[in-house]
Amino acid sequence: MLSEYIEAAMGQAEYSILEDNTFYGTIPRLKGVWANEATLSQCQHELQNALEGWILLGLHLHHSIPLINGIDLNPQTHSEVA
């Protein structure tokens, strides 16, 4: 499920070229997930690393992780499971 979430989120990534000719990538629905690198390939790689860290930290801190393409990474509580 985590892999599917990452793949779906990366499919929503947006990239632009900045004035200094570096690439900036972000996933608009996921606040704070961004990367800035010299090449598009490096930017994509770093954006995925940022996304993975963002997910892990968010889960650790019990933050709500937005659904992407219906994929829910949020832990289920006992009352929701019953």
Protein backbone atom coordinates (compact mmCIF):
# COMPACT_ATOMS: atom_id res chain seq x y z
CA MET A 1 0.00 0.00 0.00
CA LEU A 2 2.85 2.39 0.78
CA SER A 3 4.41 1.83 -2.64
CA GLU A 4 1.08 2.51 -4.35
CA TYR A 5 0.64 5.71 -2.35
CA ILE A 6 4.13 6.94 -3.26
CA GLU A 7 3.60 6.09 -6.93
CA ALA A 8 0.22 7.84 -6.98
CA ALA A 9 1.58 10.93 -5.19
CA MET A 10 4.57 11.13 -7.53
CA GLY A 11 2.11 10.99 -10.42
CA GLN A 12 0.67 14.28 -9.11
CA ALA A 13 4.08 15.98 -8.91
CA GLU A 14 4.54 19.30 -10.67
CA TYR A 15 7.91 20.58 -11.88
CA SER A 16 9.17 23.96 -13.02
CA ILE A 17 12.46 25.51 -13.99
CA LEU A 18 13.58 28.38 -11.76
CA GLU A 19 15.46 31.50 -12.83
CA ASP A 20 18.77 29.86 -11.86
CA ASN A 21 17.96 26.97 -14.27
CA THR A 22 17.42 24.47 -11.46
CA PHE A 23 14.35 22.27 -11.27
CA TYR A 24 11.75 22.69 -8.55
CA GLY A 25 9.29 19.91 -7.85
CA THR A 26 6.33 19.75 -5.52
CA ILE A 27 3.27 17.64 -4.79
CA PRO A 28 0.63 20.35 -4.30
CA ARG A 29 -1.74 18.30 -2.10
CA LEU A 30 1.07 17.45 0.32
CA LYS A 31 2.15 20.61 2.11
CA GLY A 32 5.90 20.81 2.60
CA VAL A 33 6.88 18.13 0.08
CA TRP A 34 9.27 19.74 -2.39
CA ALA A 35 12.73 19.42 -3.95
CA ASN A 36 15.12 21.69 -5.86
CA GLU A 37 17.95 20.16 -7.91
CA ALA A 38 20.17 20.81 -10.92
CA THR A 39 18.47 18.27 -13.20
CA LEU A 40 14.93 16.99 -13.58
CA SER A 41 16.05 13.45 -12.78
CA GLN A 42 17.76 14.56 -9.57
CA CYS A 43 14.71 16.62 -8.65
CA GLN A 44 12.39 13.64 -9.14
CA HIS A 45 14.65 11.45 -7.02
CA GLU A 46 14.91 14.01 -4.22
CA LEU A 47 11.17 14.71 -4.35
CA GLN A 48 10.47 11.01 -3.80
CA ASN A 49 12.95 10.98 -0.89
CA ALA A 50 11.23 14.03 0.60
CA LEU A 51 7.83 12.35 0.17
CA GLU A 52 8.99 9.17 1.90
CA GLY A 53 10.41 11.12 4.84
CA TRP A 54 7.28 13.28 5.04
CA ILE A 55 5.07 10.18 5.23
CA LEU A 56 7.19 8.50 7.90
CA LEU A 57 7.40 11.61 10.05
CA GLY A 58 3.70 12.31 9.64
CA LEU A 59 2.76 8.80 10.72
CA HIS A 60 5.19 8.96 13.65
CA LEU A 61 3.69 12.26 14.81
CA HIS A 62 0.12 10.97 14.25
CA HIS A 63 -0.61 13.60 11.61
CA SER A 64 -3.43 12.97 9.19
CA ILE A 65 -2.02 11.86 5.83
CA PRO A 66 -4.18 13.05 2.90
CA LEU A 67 -5.72 10.35 0.76
CA ILE A 68 -4.23 10.04 -2.71
CA ASN A 69 -6.32 8.20 -5.33
CA GLY A 70 -8.34 6.69 -2.48
CA ILE A 71 -5.27 5.23 -0.76
CA ASP A 72 -5.42 5.78 3.00
CA LEU A 73 -2.19 5.41 5.00
CA ASN A 74 -3.76 6.60 8.26
CA PRO A 75 -3.83 3.99 11.01
CA GLN A 76 -7.28 2.66 11.83
CA THR A 77 -8.43 3.08 15.41
CA HIS A 78 -10.04 0.18 17.27
CA SER A 79 -13.46 1.84 17.06
CA GLU A 80 -13.11 2.20 13.26
CA VAL A 81 -12.13 -1.46 12.85
CA ALA A 82 -15.05 -2.82 14.91
